[in-house]
Structures are given as C-alpha cells and as structure tokens.
Amino acid sequence: MKKGGSIELDGQTFDIDYVPVDDPAEISAVTEAYLKKYHGQYPIDMMISDKCADATVELKLK
C-alpha cells in the first residue's frame, strides 16, 4: 500500500495511491454497495466483515 500501484482502464495504465478510508459513513456506504451487488453470493459475509471494512481504501491518481 505504501508504494501505491497501477490500474488499467480502457487500455490506459494509471499510477495510483491507496488512501485508507477512516470515515465510518463512507465505509458503511461501501459495505451497503457490496451487499446490494453481491446479496446471497459467496463469500459476501467475508467481504463485509469488520476486518475487511477496516481495510477499505480509496484509489487516488498520482
């Protein structure tokens, strides 16, 4: 996480930084989005666990 990374989108590569999210409302919104998208699928319980929620990051372009 400290060194960042890169993502590819539409044939282009972008360097990014991973920024930890510590706003409870934003983490809750991400959790709700996962529940909506993956409801009833395995492994949704793991994906929305407190441990995973605490690891929520924002991807920021460098």
N, C-alpha and C. Protein backbone atom coordinates (compact mmCIF):
# COMPACT_ATOMS: atom_id res chain seq x y z
N MET A 1 0.81 -1.19 0.00
CA MET A 1 0.00 0.00 0.00
C MET A 1 0.85 1.26 0.00
N LYS A 2 1.97 1.23 0.67
CA LYS A 2 2.79 2.44 0.80
C LYS A 2 3.34 2.91 -0.53
N LYS A 3 3.61 1.98 -1.44
CA LYS A 3 4.20 2.33 -2.73
C LYS A 3 3.17 2.61 -3.80
N GLY A 4 1.89 2.38 -3.48
CA GLY A 4 0.87 2.59 -4.49
C GLY A 4 0.83 1.44 -5.47
N GLY A 5 0.31 1.70 -6.62
CA GLY A 5 0.19 0.66 -7.63
C GLY A 5 -0.26 1.26 -8.94
N SER A 6 -0.91 0.44 -9.75
CA SER A 6 -1.43 0.93 -11.01
C SER A 6 -2.70 0.16 -11.36
N ILE A 7 -3.54 0.80 -12.13
CA ILE A 7 -4.75 0.17 -12.65
C ILE A 7 -4.79 0.40 -14.14
N GLU A 8 -5.46 -0.51 -14.83
CA GLU A 8 -5.63 -0.34 -16.27
C GLU A 8 -7.10 -0.12 -16.55
N LEU A 9 -7.39 0.90 -17.33
CA LEU A 9 -8.75 1.25 -17.67
C LEU A 9 -8.80 1.68 -19.12
N ASP A 10 -9.60 0.99 -19.89
CA ASP A 10 -9.80 1.35 -21.29
C ASP A 10 -8.48 1.43 -22.05
N GLY A 11 -7.58 0.48 -21.78
CA GLY A 11 -6.31 0.41 -22.50
C GLY A 11 -5.24 1.36 -22.00
N GLN A 12 -5.55 2.14 -20.97
CA GLN A 12 -4.56 3.06 -20.41
C GLN A 12 -4.20 2.61 -19.00
N THR A 13 -2.94 2.83 -18.61
CA THR A 13 -2.49 2.49 -17.27
C THR A 13 -2.29 3.77 -16.47
N PHE A 14 -2.80 3.74 -15.24
CA PHE A 14 -2.73 4.90 -14.36
C PHE A 14 -2.04 4.51 -13.06
N ASP A 15 -1.08 5.31 -12.61
CA ASP A 15 -0.46 5.12 -11.31
C ASP A 15 -1.39 5.67 -10.25
N ILE A 16 -1.50 4.92 -9.16
CA ILE A 16 -2.42 5.32 -8.09
C ILE A 16 -1.75 5.20 -6.72
N ASP A 17 -2.33 5.90 -5.78
CA ASP A 17 -2.01 5.74 -4.37
C ASP A 17 -3.23 5.11 -3.71
N TYR A 18 -2.97 4.29 -2.69
CA TYR A 18 -4.03 3.71 -1.88
C TYR A 18 -4.16 4.57 -0.63
N VAL A 19 -5.32 5.13 -0.40
CA VAL A 19 -5.54 6.02 0.74
C VAL A 19 -6.54 5.35 1.68
N PRO A 20 -6.12 5.04 2.91
CA PRO A 20 -7.05 4.41 3.86
C PRO A 20 -8.29 5.29 4.10
N VAL A 21 -9.44 4.65 4.18
CA VAL A 21 -10.69 5.36 4.46
C VAL A 21 -11.00 5.15 5.94
N ASP A 22 -11.18 6.25 6.66
CA ASP A 22 -11.49 6.12 8.08
C ASP A 22 -12.83 6.76 8.47
N ASP A 23 -13.56 7.24 7.49
CA ASP A 23 -14.87 7.83 7.72
C ASP A 23 -15.91 6.71 7.84
N PRO A 24 -16.51 6.52 9.01
CA PRO A 24 -17.48 5.44 9.19
C PRO A 24 -18.64 5.48 8.20
N ALA A 25 -19.09 6.66 7.83
CA ALA A 25 -20.20 6.77 6.87
C ALA A 25 -19.78 6.27 5.49
N GLU A 26 -18.56 6.58 5.08
CA GLU A 26 -18.08 6.11 3.78
C GLU A 26 -17.88 4.60 3.78
N ILE A 27 -17.33 4.08 4.87
CA ILE A 27 -17.15 2.62 4.99
C ILE A 27 -18.50 1.93 4.96
N SER A 28 -19.48 2.50 5.64
CA SER A 28 -20.83 1.94 5.65
C SER A 28 -21.44 1.95 4.24
N ALA A 29 -21.21 3.01 3.49
CA ALA A 29 -21.72 3.10 2.12
C ALA A 29 -21.10 2.04 1.23
N VAL A 30 -19.81 1.79 1.41
CA VAL A 30 -19.13 0.74 0.63
C VAL A 30 -19.71 -0.63 0.99
N THR A 31 -19.90 -0.86 2.28
CA THR A 31 -20.48 -2.13 2.74
C THR A 31 -21.87 -2.33 2.15
N GLU A 32 -22.69 -1.30 2.17
CA GLU A 32 -24.04 -1.39 1.59
C GLU A 32 -24.00 -1.68 0.09
N ALA A 33 -23.04 -1.07 -0.60
CA ALA A 33 -22.91 -1.32 -2.04
C ALA A 33 -22.54 -2.78 -2.31
N TYR A 34 -21.63 -3.32 -1.49
CA TYR A 34 -21.28 -4.74 -1.64
C TYR A 34 -22.49 -5.62 -1.37
N LEU A 35 -23.25 -5.32 -0.32
CA LEU A 35 -24.45 -6.11 -0.02
C LEU A 35 -25.45 -6.07 -1.16
N LYS A 36 -25.63 -4.90 -1.73
CA LYS A 36 -26.59 -4.76 -2.85
C LYS A 36 -26.12 -5.56 -4.07
N LYS A 37 -24.83 -5.45 -4.38
CA LYS A 37 -24.30 -6.10 -5.58
C LYS A 37 -24.17 -7.62 -5.42
N TYR A 38 -23.75 -8.06 -4.25
CA TYR A 38 -23.41 -9.47 -4.06
C TYR A 38 -24.37 -10.21 -3.12
N HIS A 39 -25.55 -9.67 -2.88
CA HIS A 39 -26.51 -10.29 -1.96
C HIS A 39 -26.71 -11.77 -2.29
N GLY A 40 -26.56 -12.61 -1.27
CA GLY A 40 -26.80 -14.04 -1.44
C GLY A 40 -25.68 -14.81 -2.09
N GLN A 41 -24.60 -14.15 -2.45
CA GLN A 41 -23.48 -14.83 -3.09
C GLN A 41 -22.36 -15.10 -2.08
N TYR A 42 -21.62 -16.15 -2.36
CA TYR A 42 -20.46 -16.46 -1.54
C TYR A 42 -19.29 -15.66 -2.08
N PRO A 43 -18.45 -15.11 -1.29
CA PRO A 43 -18.34 -15.05 0.17
C PRO A 43 -18.71 -13.67 0.72
N ILE A 44 -19.94 -13.22 0.51
CA ILE A 44 -20.33 -11.88 0.93
C ILE A 44 -20.08 -11.64 2.42
N ASP A 45 -20.29 -12.66 3.26
CA ASP A 45 -20.08 -12.47 4.70
C ASP A 45 -18.64 -12.05 4.99
N MET A 46 -17.70 -12.66 4.30
CA MET A 46 -16.30 -12.30 4.48
C MET A 46 -16.03 -10.91 3.92
N MET A 47 -16.63 -10.58 2.79
CA MET A 47 -16.37 -9.31 2.13
C MET A 47 -16.83 -8.11 2.95
N ILE A 48 -17.83 -8.32 3.80
CA ILE A 48 -18.35 -7.21 4.59
C ILE A 48 -17.99 -7.33 6.07
N SER A 49 -17.07 -8.23 6.38
CA SER A 49 -16.65 -8.40 7.78
C SER A 49 -15.96 -7.12 8.27
N ASP A 50 -15.90 -6.96 9.58
CA ASP A 50 -15.23 -5.78 10.16
C ASP A 50 -13.77 -5.70 9.72
N LYS A 51 -13.11 -6.84 9.63
CA LYS A 51 -11.69 -6.86 9.22
C LYS A 51 -11.54 -6.29 7.81
N CYS A 52 -12.42 -6.69 6.91
CA CYS A 52 -12.35 -6.17 5.54
C CYS A 52 -12.78 -4.71 5.49
N ALA A 53 -13.81 -4.36 6.23
CA ALA A 53 -14.27 -2.96 6.24
C ALA A 53 -13.16 -2.04 6.74
N ASP A 54 -12.39 -2.50 7.72
CA ASP A 54 -11.29 -1.69 8.25
C ASP A 54 -10.17 -1.51 7.22
N ALA A 55 -10.16 -2.33 6.19
CA ALA A 55 -9.12 -2.25 5.15
C ALA A 55 -9.60 -1.49 3.91
N THR A 56 -10.73 -0.81 4.00
CA THR A 56 -11.27 -0.05 2.87
C THR A 56 -10.30 1.07 2.47
N VAL A 57 -10.01 1.15 1.18
CA VAL A 57 -9.10 2.17 0.68
C VAL A 57 -9.75 2.91 -0.49
N GLU A 58 -9.29 4.12 -0.69
CA GLU A 58 -9.68 4.92 -1.84
C GLU A 58 -8.51 4.90 -2.82
N LEU A 59 -8.79 4.79 -4.10
CA LEU A 59 -7.74 4.83 -5.10
C LEU A 59 -7.65 6.27 -5.63
N LYS A 60 -6.47 6.87 -5.49
CA LYS A 60 -6.27 8.25 -5.94
C LYS A 60 -5.19 8.27 -7.01
N LEU A 61 -5.47 8.97 -8.10
CA LEU A 61 -4.46 9.13 -9.15
C LEU A 61 -3.27 9.90 -8.61
N LYS A 62 -2.08 9.46 -9.03
CA LYS A 62 -0.86 10.16 -8.63
C LYS A 62 -0.68 11.40 -9.46
